[in-house]
């Protein structure tokens, strides 16, 4: 397979750690470098030593607006390069099939009328034909994450129904999903390769050194998801990423906003019921 791919932005890149071209059984689409390693570790671990299953990734923005420590502040171009290099290192460590970094500014992603982002994601989806896709979740508090989610679902909708993935998960980053009704929670096991789970996030030192412990926070959240899953039942496993099923939104049955608000309303009712 040809390992060359044409991307729109001059700073965009695509690498192929497995050397197999633009293909994936499991695909993560995240806003920033390190989002995939936080939200889609289930897919990374599932495919890590599996020759038939391939995890690949798309990072949509260049992340130049991320917080930095005053002691190690980098100019915009240097930060863009460092974040891209960290993401490539993670792709190599995790044995991704391909890792595309589209190099968009956050403002472009947050613009719902910007079809360039949708076009590029659609093009990669059409080439890769994944069976499982990991996205941000529609109650995430980061507006750039919501912009990438919106563009990704629009791109997925462009695929013919028989070409769409079998499963599309909305996963935790900037807001967890433990508030979801138990009937709607999807527990994605993340126990496998615990050393890899920590080391692959720890590669993003430009973010961690800014003062946010993404590595320990992501691992801790996964363990907390397993520990506090049910006060009456011991969960089969210790570590999980929580997700919601986004296929209804992909299939056009409901909008992402409606999906989030519906689950929030259900959560509100569950609190009412406890006090009844």
C-alpha atoms as a PDB file:
ATOM      1  CA  UNK A   1       0.000   0.000   0.000  1.00  0.00           C
ATOM      2  CA  UNK A   2       1.168   3.534  -0.765  1.00  0.00           C
ATOM      3  CA  UNK A   3       2.340   5.327   2.359  1.00  0.00           C
ATOM      4  CA  UNK A   4       1.997   8.786   0.787  1.00  0.00           C
ATOM      5  CA  UNK A   5      -1.005  10.957   1.614  1.00  0.00           C
ATOM      6  CA  UNK A   6      -1.879  14.519   0.692  1.00  0.00           C
ATOM      7  CA  UNK A   7      -2.935  16.734   3.606  1.00  0.00           C
ATOM      8  CA  UNK A   8      -4.132  20.314   3.261  1.00  0.00           C
ATOM      9  CA  UNK A   9      -2.044  22.279   5.759  1.00  0.00           C
ATOM     10  CA  UNK A  10       1.673  22.859   5.205  1.00  0.00           C
ATOM     11  CA  UNK A  11       2.521  21.791   8.764  1.00  0.00           C
ATOM     12  CA  UNK A  12       0.461  18.599   8.627  1.00  0.00           C
ATOM     13  CA  UNK A  13       2.121  15.191   8.760  1.00  0.00           C
ATOM     14  CA  UNK A  14       1.341  11.494   8.570  1.00  0.00           C
ATOM     15  CA  UNK A  15       3.610   8.678   9.749  1.00  0.00           C
ATOM     16  CA  UNK A  16       3.196   4.905   9.460  1.00  0.00           C
ATOM     17  CA  UNK A  17       4.808   3.081  12.401  1.00  0.00           C
ATOM     18  CA  UNK A  18       3.614  -0.324  11.151  1.00  0.00           C
ATOM     19  CA  UNK A  19       4.397   0.514   7.553  1.00  0.00           C
ATOM     20  CA  UNK A  20       1.014  -0.588   6.260  1.00  0.00           C
ATOM     21  CA  UNK A  21      -0.527   2.567   4.811  1.00  0.00           C
ATOM     22  CA  UNK A  22      -3.750   4.365   5.725  1.00  0.00           C
ATOM     23  CA  UNK A  23      -5.774   1.616   7.334  1.00  0.00           C
ATOM     24  CA  UNK A  24      -7.237   0.858  10.737  1.00  0.00           C
ATOM     25  CA  UNK A  25      -9.648  -1.464  12.473  1.00  0.00           C
ATOM     26  CA  UNK A  26      -9.707   0.917  15.451  1.00  0.00           C
ATOM     27  CA  UNK A  27      -9.361   4.678  14.873  1.00  0.00           C
ATOM     28  CA  UNK A  28      -9.144   7.546  17.348  1.00  0.00           C
ATOM     29  CA  UNK A  29      -9.924  11.125  16.290  1.00  0.00           C
ATOM     30  CA  UNK A  30      -8.813  13.676  18.865  1.00  0.00           C
ATOM     31  CA  UNK A  31      -8.401  17.418  19.055  1.00  0.00           C
ATOM     32  CA  UNK A  32      -4.892  17.640  20.518  1.00  0.00           C
ATOM     33  CA  UNK A  33      -1.704  15.633  20.798  1.00  0.00           C
ATOM     34  CA  UNK A  34      -2.206  13.374  23.876  1.00  0.00           C
ATOM     35  CA  UNK A  35      -6.022  13.210  23.625  1.00  0.00           C
ATOM     36  CA  UNK A  36      -5.905   9.814  21.902  1.00  0.00           C
ATOM     37  CA  UNK A  37      -3.643   8.345  24.548  1.00  0.00           C
ATOM     38  CA  UNK A  38      -6.051   9.536  27.254  1.00  0.00           C
ATOM     39  CA  UNK A  39      -9.402   8.674  25.673  1.00  0.00           C
ATOM     40  CA  UNK A  40      -8.651   5.805  23.267  1.00  0.00           C
ATOM     41  CA  UNK A  41      -6.237   3.628  25.240  1.00  0.00           C
ATOM     42  CA  UNK A  42      -8.735   0.778  24.955  1.00  0.00           C
ATOM     43  CA  UNK A  43      -8.127   0.731  21.188  1.00  0.00           C
ATOM     44  CA  UNK A  44      -4.368   1.167  21.518  1.00  0.00           C
ATOM     45  CA  UNK A  45      -4.124  -1.798  23.915  1.00  0.00           C
ATOM     46  CA  UNK A  46      -6.547  -3.954  21.909  1.00  0.00           C
ATOM     47  CA  UNK A  47      -4.339  -3.685  18.819  1.00  0.00           C
ATOM     48  CA  UNK A  48      -0.896  -3.420  20.437  1.00  0.00           C
ATOM     49  CA  UNK A  49       0.299  -7.002  19.852  1.00  0.00           C
ATOM     50  CA  UNK A  50      -2.408  -8.044  17.419  1.00  0.00           C
ATOM     51  CA  UNK A  51      -1.339  -8.398  13.800  1.00  0.00           C
ATOM     52  CA  UNK A  52      -4.924  -8.397  12.522  1.00  0.00           C
ATOM     53  CA  UNK A  53      -6.217  -5.377  14.421  1.00  0.00           C
ATOM     54  CA  UNK A  54      -4.641  -1.962  13.870  1.00  0.00           C
ATOM     55  CA  UNK A  55      -5.087   1.192  15.932  1.00  0.00           C
ATOM     56  CA  UNK A  56      -4.512   4.440  14.064  1.00  0.00           C
ATOM     57  CA  UNK A  57      -4.991   8.061  14.997  1.00  0.00           C
ATOM     58  CA  UNK A  58      -5.950  11.492  13.733  1.00  0.00           C
ATOM     59  CA  UNK A  59      -5.034  14.594  15.719  1.00  0.00           C
ATOM     60  CA  UNK A  60      -6.821  17.581  14.241  1.00  0.00           C
ATOM     61  CA  UNK A  61      -5.223  20.690  15.789  1.00  0.00           C
ATOM     62  CA  UNK A  62      -1.639  21.796  16.355  1.00  0.00           C
ATOM     63  CA  UNK A  63      -2.309  22.561  20.041  1.00  0.00           C
ATOM     64  CA  UNK A  64      -0.344  25.805  20.107  1.00  0.00           C
ATOM     65  CA  UNK A  65      -2.797  27.411  22.526  1.00  0.00           C
ATOM     66  CA  UNK A  66      -2.096  24.906  25.292  1.00  0.00           C
ATOM     67  CA  UNK A  67      -0.921  26.096  28.730  1.00  0.00           C
ATOM     68  CA  UNK A  68       2.839  26.352  29.297  1.00  0.00           C
ATOM     69  CA  UNK A  69       5.014  26.849  32.329  1.00  0.00           C
ATOM     70  CA  UNK A  70       6.658  30.246  32.552  1.00  0.00           C
ATOM     71  CA  UNK A  71      10.036  28.575  33.087  1.00  0.00           C
ATOM     72  CA  UNK A  72       9.869  26.610  29.817  1.00  0.00           C
ATOM     73  CA  UNK A  73       7.716  28.785  27.567  1.00  0.00           C
ATOM     74  CA  UNK A  74       8.155  28.030  23.851  1.00  0.00           C
ATOM     75  CA  UNK A  75       7.278  30.205  20.905  1.00  0.00           C
ATOM     76  CA  UNK A  76       4.352  29.129  18.753  1.00  0.00           C
ATOM     77  CA  UNK A  77       6.347  27.349  16.051  1.00  0.00           C
ATOM     78  CA  UNK A  78       8.564  25.495  18.513  1.00  0.00           C
ATOM     79  CA  UNK A  79       5.567  24.346  20.563  1.00  0.00           C
ATOM     80  CA  UNK A  80       3.828  23.112  17.407  1.00  0.00           C
ATOM     81  CA  UNK A  81       6.895  21.066  16.473  1.00  0.00           C
ATOM     82  CA  UNK A  82       7.383  19.671  19.978  1.00  0.00           C
ATOM     83  CA  UNK A  83       3.760  18.579  20.271  1.00  0.00           C
ATOM     84  CA  UNK A  84       3.908  16.950  16.846  1.00  0.00           C
ATOM     85  CA  UNK A  85       7.108  15.098  17.768  1.00  0.00           C
ATOM     86  CA  UNK A  86       5.542  13.880  21.035  1.00  0.00           C
ATOM     87  CA  UNK A  87       2.534  12.537  19.145  1.00  0.00           C
ATOM     88  CA  UNK A  88       4.765  10.724  16.655  1.00  0.00           C
ATOM     89  CA  UNK A  89       6.719   9.172  19.535  1.00  0.00           C
ATOM     90  CA  UNK A  90       3.447   7.937  21.057  1.00  0.00           C
ATOM     91  CA  UNK A  91       2.383   6.447  17.717  1.00  0.00           C
ATOM     92  CA  UNK A  92       5.677   4.586  17.487  1.00  0.00           C
ATOM     93  CA  UNK A  93       5.494   3.352  21.084  1.00  0.00           C
ATOM     94  CA  UNK A  94       1.879   2.226  20.631  1.00  0.00           C
ATOM     95  CA  UNK A  95       2.525   0.605  17.234  1.00  0.00           C
ATOM     96  CA  UNK A  96      -0.150   2.625  15.439  1.00  0.00           C
ATOM     97  CA  UNK A  97      -0.938   1.873  11.828  1.00  0.00           C
ATOM     98  CA  UNK A  98      -0.867   5.535  10.841  1.00  0.00           C
ATOM     99  CA  UNK A  99      -0.819   8.807  12.742  1.00  0.00           C
ATOM    100  CA  UNK A 100      -2.146  11.844  10.865  1.00  0.00           C
ATOM    101  CA  UNK A 101      -1.722  15.315  12.364  1.00  0.00           C
ATOM    102  CA  UNK A 102      -3.818  17.825  10.429  1.00  0.00           C
ATOM    103  CA  UNK A 103      -2.318  21.018  11.922  1.00  0.00           C
ATOM    104  CA  UNK A 104      -5.483  23.121  12.166  1.00  0.00           C
ATOM    105  CA  UNK A 105      -5.796  26.131  14.443  1.00  0.00           C
ATOM    106  CA  UNK A 106      -8.421  25.734  17.151  1.00  0.00           C
ATOM    107  CA  UNK A 107     -10.442  28.616  15.701  1.00  0.00           C
ATOM    108  CA  UNK A 108     -10.869  26.741  12.410  1.00  0.00           C
ATOM    109  CA  UNK A 109     -12.068  23.619  14.216  1.00  0.00           C
ATOM    110  CA  UNK A 110     -14.573  25.529  16.351  1.00  0.00           C
ATOM    111  CA  UNK A 111     -16.134  27.120  13.249  1.00  0.00           C
ATOM    112  CA  UNK A 112     -19.118  24.891  12.358  1.00  0.00           C
ATOM    113  CA  UNK A 113     -19.085  26.228   8.785  1.00  0.00           C
ATOM    114  CA  UNK A 114     -15.482  25.164   8.106  1.00  0.00           C
ATOM    115  CA  UNK A 115     -15.896  22.208   5.783  1.00  0.00           C
ATOM    116  CA  UNK A 116     -12.143  21.771   5.209  1.00  0.00           C
ATOM    117  CA  UNK A 117     -11.828  19.941   8.540  1.00  0.00           C
ATOM    118  CA  UNK A 118     -14.791  17.706   7.746  1.00  0.00           C
ATOM    119  CA  UNK A 119     -13.423  16.998   4.258  1.00  0.00           C
ATOM    120  CA  UNK A 120     -10.038  15.830   5.555  1.00  0.00           C
ATOM    121  CA  UNK A 121     -11.491  13.630   8.266  1.00  0.00           C
ATOM    122  CA  UNK A 122     -13.929  12.119   5.765  1.00  0.00           C
ATOM    123  CA  UNK A 123     -11.107  11.431   3.292  1.00  0.00           C
ATOM    124  CA  UNK A 124      -9.112   9.555   5.952  1.00  0.00           C
ATOM    125  CA  UNK A 125     -12.166   7.641   7.155  1.00  0.00           C
ATOM    126  CA  UNK A 126     -12.952   6.579   3.609  1.00  0.00           C
ATOM    127  CA  UNK A 127      -9.395   5.308   3.141  1.00  0.00           C
ATOM    128  CA  UNK A 128      -9.007   3.608   6.526  1.00  0.00           C
ATOM    129  CA  UNK A 129     -12.469   1.987   6.822  1.00  0.00           C
ATOM    130  CA  UNK A 130     -12.309   1.465  10.614  1.00  0.00           C
ATOM    131  CA  UNK A 131     -14.699  -0.829  12.446  1.00  0.00           C
ATOM    132  CA  UNK A 132     -14.399   1.038  15.772  1.00  0.00           C
ATOM    133  CA  UNK A 133     -13.983   4.800  16.220  1.00  0.00           C
ATOM    134  CA  UNK A 134     -13.136   6.707  19.413  1.00  0.00           C
ATOM    135  CA  UNK A 135     -14.245  10.357  19.612  1.00  0.00           C
ATOM    136  CA  UNK A 136     -14.663  13.039  22.239  1.00  0.00           C
ATOM    137  CA  UNK A 137     -17.974  12.901  24.105  1.00  0.00           C
ATOM    138  CA  UNK A 138     -20.723  15.515  23.607  1.00  0.00           C
ATOM    139  CA  UNK A 139     -20.685  16.822  27.198  1.00  0.00           C
ATOM    140  CA  UNK A 140     -16.929  17.568  27.106  1.00  0.00           C
ATOM    141  CA  UNK A 141     -16.182  21.037  28.491  1.00  0.00           C
ATOM    142  CA  UNK A 142     -13.384  21.919  26.000  1.00  0.00           C
ATOM    143  CA  UNK A 143     -14.831  23.840  23.003  1.00  0.00           C
ATOM    144  CA  UNK A 144     -12.112  22.589  20.641  1.00  0.00           C
ATOM    145  CA  UNK A 145     -12.964  18.999  21.574  1.00  0.00           C
ATOM    146  CA  UNK A 146     -16.607  19.715  20.752  1.00  0.00           C
ATOM    147  CA  UNK A 147     -15.563  21.231  17.428  1.00  0.00           C
ATOM    148  CA  UNK A 148     -13.583  18.114  16.498  1.00  0.00           C
ATOM    149  CA  UNK A 149     -16.432  15.877  17.638  1.00  0.00           C
ATOM    150  CA  UNK A 150     -18.913  17.815  15.503  1.00  0.00           C
ATOM    151  CA  UNK A 151     -16.663  17.632  12.425  1.00  0.00           C
ATOM    152  CA  UNK A 152     -15.955  13.923  12.971  1.00  0.00           C
ATOM    153  CA  UNK A 153     -19.617  12.968  13.233  1.00  0.00           C
ATOM    154  CA  UNK A 154     -20.427  15.033  10.142  1.00  0.00           C
ATOM    155  CA  UNK A 155     -17.658  13.192   8.278  1.00  0.00           C
ATOM    156  CA  UNK A 156     -18.961   9.820   9.490  1.00  0.00           C
ATOM    157  CA  UNK A 157     -22.452  10.722   8.292  1.00  0.00           C
ATOM    158  CA  UNK A 158     -21.073  11.276   4.794  1.00  0.00           C
ATOM    159  CA  UNK A 159     -20.061   7.632   4.609  1.00  0.00           C
ATOM    160  CA  UNK A 160     -22.639   5.319   3.120  1.00  0.00           C
ATOM    161  CA  UNK A 161     -24.441   3.327   5.837  1.00  0.00           C
ATOM    162  CA  UNK A 162     -22.674   0.095   4.851  1.00  0.00           C
ATOM    163  CA  UNK A 163     -19.266   1.826   5.082  1.00  0.00           C
ATOM    164  CA  UNK A 164     -19.763   3.268   8.559  1.00  0.00           C
ATOM    165  CA  UNK A 165     -18.005   1.804  11.603  1.00  0.00           C
ATOM    166  CA  UNK A 166     -19.759  -0.830  13.668  1.00  0.00           C
ATOM    167  CA  UNK A 167     -19.187   1.163  16.861  1.00  0.00           C
ATOM    168  CA  UNK A 168     -18.489   4.828  17.604  1.00  0.00           C
ATOM    169  CA  UNK A 169     -17.612   5.733  21.187  1.00  0.00           C
ATOM    170  CA  UNK A 170     -17.675   9.157  22.837  1.00  0.00           C
ATOM    171  CA  UNK A 171     -14.918   9.065  25.462  1.00  0.00           C
ATOM    172  CA  UNK A 172     -13.756  11.008  28.509  1.00  0.00           C
ATOM    173  CA  UNK A 173     -11.132  13.738  28.497  1.00  0.00           C
ATOM    174  CA  UNK A 174     -12.284  17.144  29.805  1.00  0.00           C
ATOM    175  CA  UNK A 175     -15.234  15.787  31.758  1.00  0.00           C
ATOM    176  CA  UNK A 176     -15.764  12.251  32.939  1.00  0.00           C
ATOM    177  CA  UNK A 177     -18.873  10.172  32.302  1.00  0.00           C
ATOM    178  CA  UNK A 178     -19.587   8.636  35.701  1.00  0.00           C
ATOM    179  CA  UNK A 179     -22.821  10.683  35.816  1.00  0.00           C
ATOM    180  CA  UNK A 180     -24.272   8.765  32.865  1.00  0.00           C
ATOM    181  CA  UNK A 181     -27.165   6.442  33.687  1.00  0.00           C
ATOM    182  CA  UNK A 182     -25.799   2.940  34.244  1.00  0.00           C
ATOM    183  CA  UNK A 183     -27.808   1.657  31.281  1.00  0.00           C
ATOM    184  CA  UNK A 184     -25.977   4.092  28.998  1.00  0.00           C
ATOM    185  CA  UNK A 185     -22.418   3.686  30.302  1.00  0.00           C
ATOM    186  CA  UNK A 186     -20.013   1.681  28.192  1.00  0.00           C
ATOM    187  CA  UNK A 187     -17.051   0.306  30.157  1.00  0.00           C
ATOM    188  CA  UNK A 188     -13.995   0.012  27.917  1.00  0.00           C
ATOM    189  CA  UNK A 189     -11.387  -2.159  29.710  1.00  0.00           C
ATOM    190  CA  UNK A 190      -7.948  -0.553  30.049  1.00  0.00           C
ATOM    191  CA  UNK A 191      -6.126  -3.052  32.305  1.00  0.00           C
ATOM    192  CA  UNK A 192      -3.869  -4.377  29.543  1.00  0.00           C
ATOM    193  CA  UNK A 193      -0.214  -3.318  29.377  1.00  0.00           C
ATOM    194  CA  UNK A 194      -0.189  -1.070  32.476  1.00  0.00           C
ATOM    195  CA  UNK A 195       3.386   0.058  31.822  1.00  0.00           C
ATOM    196  CA  UNK A 196       2.457   1.144  28.305  1.00  0.00           C
ATOM    197  CA  UNK A 197      -0.648   2.941  29.592  1.00  0.00           C
ATOM    198  CA  UNK A 198       1.487   5.195  31.786  1.00  0.00           C
ATOM    199  CA  UNK A 199       4.532   5.536  29.553  1.00  0.00           C
ATOM    200  CA  UNK A 200       2.603   6.513  26.431  1.00  0.00           C
ATOM    201  CA  UNK A 201       0.953   9.485  28.182  1.00  0.00           C
ATOM    202  CA  UNK A 202       4.198  10.429  29.919  1.00  0.00           C
ATOM    203  CA  UNK A 203       5.711  11.114  26.485  1.00  0.00           C
ATOM    204  CA  UNK A 204       3.788  14.398  26.360  1.00  0.00           C
ATOM    205  CA  UNK A 205       6.166  16.301  28.598  1.00  0.00           C
ATOM    206  CA  UNK A 206       5.392  19.672  27.012  1.00  0.00           C
ATOM    207  CA  UNK A 207       1.986  19.362  28.687  1.00  0.00           C
ATOM    208  CA  UNK A 208       2.929  17.593  31.903  1.00  0.00           C
ATOM    209  CA  UNK A 209       5.737  20.025  32.695  1.00  0.00           C
ATOM    210  CA  UNK A 210       3.223  22.862  32.380  1.00  0.00           C
ATOM    211  CA  UNK A 211       1.878  21.645  35.726  1.00  0.00           C
ATOM    212  CA  UNK A 212      -0.964  19.264  34.815  1.00  0.00           C
ATOM    213  CA  UNK A 213      -0.428  15.600  35.742  1.00  0.00           C
ATOM    214  CA  UNK A 214      -2.183  14.139  32.712  1.00  0.00           C
ATOM    215  CA  UNK A 215      -0.379  10.832  33.108  1.00  0.00           C
ATOM    216  CA  UNK A 216      -1.373  10.158  36.712  1.00  0.00           C
ATOM    217  CA  UNK A 217      -4.784  11.775  36.225  1.00  0.00           C
ATOM    218  CA  UNK A 218      -5.743   9.583  33.269  1.00  0.00           C
ATOM    219  CA  UNK A 219      -4.643   6.366  34.983  1.00  0.00           C
ATOM    220  CA  UNK A 220      -6.325   7.392  38.238  1.00  0.00           C
ATOM    221  CA  UNK A 221      -9.605   8.152  36.486  1.00  0.00           C
ATOM    222  CA  UNK A 222      -9.622   4.727  34.837  1.00  0.00           C
ATOM    223  CA  UNK A 223      -9.043   2.978  38.168  1.00  0.00           C
ATOM    224  CA  UNK A 224     -11.709   5.148  39.823  1.00  0.00           C
ATOM    225  CA  UNK A 225     -14.167   4.154  37.094  1.00  0.00           C
ATOM    226  CA  UNK A 226     -13.663   0.515  38.022  1.00  0.00           C
ATOM    227  CA  UNK A 227     -13.561   1.059  41.777  1.00  0.00           C
ATOM    228  CA  UNK A 228     -16.732   3.149  42.017  1.00  0.00           C
ATOM    229  CA  UNK A 229     -18.706   1.461  39.255  1.00  0.00           C
ATOM    230  CA  UNK A 230     -21.394  -0.050  41.490  1.00  0.00           C
ATOM    231  CA  UNK A 231     -21.741   0.053  45.290  1.00  0.00           C
ATOM    232  CA  UNK A 232     -23.214  -3.473  45.305  1.00  0.00           C
ATOM    233  CA  UNK A 233     -21.220  -5.303  42.613  1.00  0.00           C
ATOM    234  CA  UNK A 234     -17.478  -5.873  42.176  1.00  0.00           C
ATOM    235  CA  UNK A 235     -16.523  -4.974  38.622  1.00  0.00           C
ATOM    236  CA  UNK A 236     -14.778  -7.612  36.514  1.00  0.00           C
ATOM    237  CA  UNK A 237     -11.592  -5.637  35.985  1.00  0.00           C
ATOM    238  CA  UNK A 238      -9.811  -2.775  37.674  1.00  0.00           C
ATOM    239  CA  UNK A 239      -9.391  -0.061  35.053  1.00  0.00           C
ATOM    240  CA  UNK A 240     -11.890   1.348  32.525  1.00  0.00           C
ATOM    241  CA  UNK A 241     -12.503   4.303  30.262  1.00  0.00           C
ATOM    242  CA  UNK A 242     -16.170   5.251  30.237  1.00  0.00           C
ATOM    243  CA  UNK A 243     -17.847   5.969  26.924  1.00  0.00           C
ATOM    244  CA  UNK A 244     -21.231   6.624  25.400  1.00  0.00           C
ATOM    245  CA  UNK A 245     -22.628   5.123  22.214  1.00  0.00           C
ATOM    246  CA  UNK A 246     -22.579   7.779  19.472  1.00  0.00           C
ATOM    247  CA  UNK A 247     -24.028   5.616  16.718  1.00  0.00           C
ATOM    248  CA  UNK A 248     -27.501   7.230  17.068  1.00  0.00           C
ATOM    249  CA  UNK A 249     -25.893  10.599  16.261  1.00  0.00           C
ATOM    250  CA  UNK A 250     -23.835   9.137  13.404  1.00  0.00           C
ATOM    251  CA  UNK A 251     -26.969   7.592  11.914  1.00  0.00           C
ATOM    252  CA  UNK A 252     -28.838  10.889  12.186  1.00  0.00           C
ATOM    253  CA  UNK A 253     -31.424   9.724  14.734  1.00  0.00           C
ATOM    254  CA  UNK A 254     -30.489  12.473  17.202  1.00  0.00           C
ATOM    255  CA  UNK A 255     -28.096  15.436  17.320  1.00  0.00           C
ATOM    256  CA  UNK A 256     -25.035  15.426  19.569  1.00  0.00           C
ATOM    257  CA  UNK A 257     -26.471  18.280  21.617  1.00  0.00           C
ATOM    258  CA  UNK A 258     -29.793  16.483  22.022  1.00  0.00           C
ATOM    259  CA  UNK A 259     -27.954  13.333  23.066  1.00  0.00           C
ATOM    260  CA  UNK A 260     -26.005  15.125  25.800  1.00  0.00           C
ATOM    261  CA  UNK A 261     -29.007  17.050  27.124  1.00  0.00           C
ATOM    262  CA  UNK A 262     -31.177  13.927  27.139  1.00  0.00           C
ATOM    263  CA  UNK A 263     -28.649  12.072  29.307  1.00  0.00           C
ATOM    264  CA  UNK A 264     -28.300  15.059  31.636  1.00  0.00           C
ATOM    265  CA  UNK A 265     -32.066  15.131  32.064  1.00  0.00           C
ATOM    266  CA  UNK A 266     -32.037  11.404  32.851  1.00  0.00           C
ATOM    267  CA  UNK A 267     -29.278  12.001  35.414  1.00  0.00           C
ATOM    268  CA  UNK A 268     -31.313  14.789  36.995  1.00  0.00           C
ATOM    269  CA  UNK A 269     -34.316  12.465  37.265  1.00  0.00           C
ATOM    270  CA  UNK A 270     -32.179   9.747  38.869  1.00  0.00           C
ATOM    271  CA  UNK A 271     -31.182  12.175  41.621  1.00  0.00           C
ATOM    272  CA  UNK A 272     -34.842  13.092  42.136  1.00  0.00           C
ATOM    273  CA  UNK A 273     -35.716   9.408  42.367  1.00  0.00           C
ATOM    274  CA  UNK A 274     -33.113   8.733  45.090  1.00  0.00           C
ATOM    275  CA  UNK A 275     -34.724  11.420  47.243  1.00  0.00           C
ATOM    276  CA  UNK A 276     -38.311  10.322  46.548  1.00  0.00           C
END
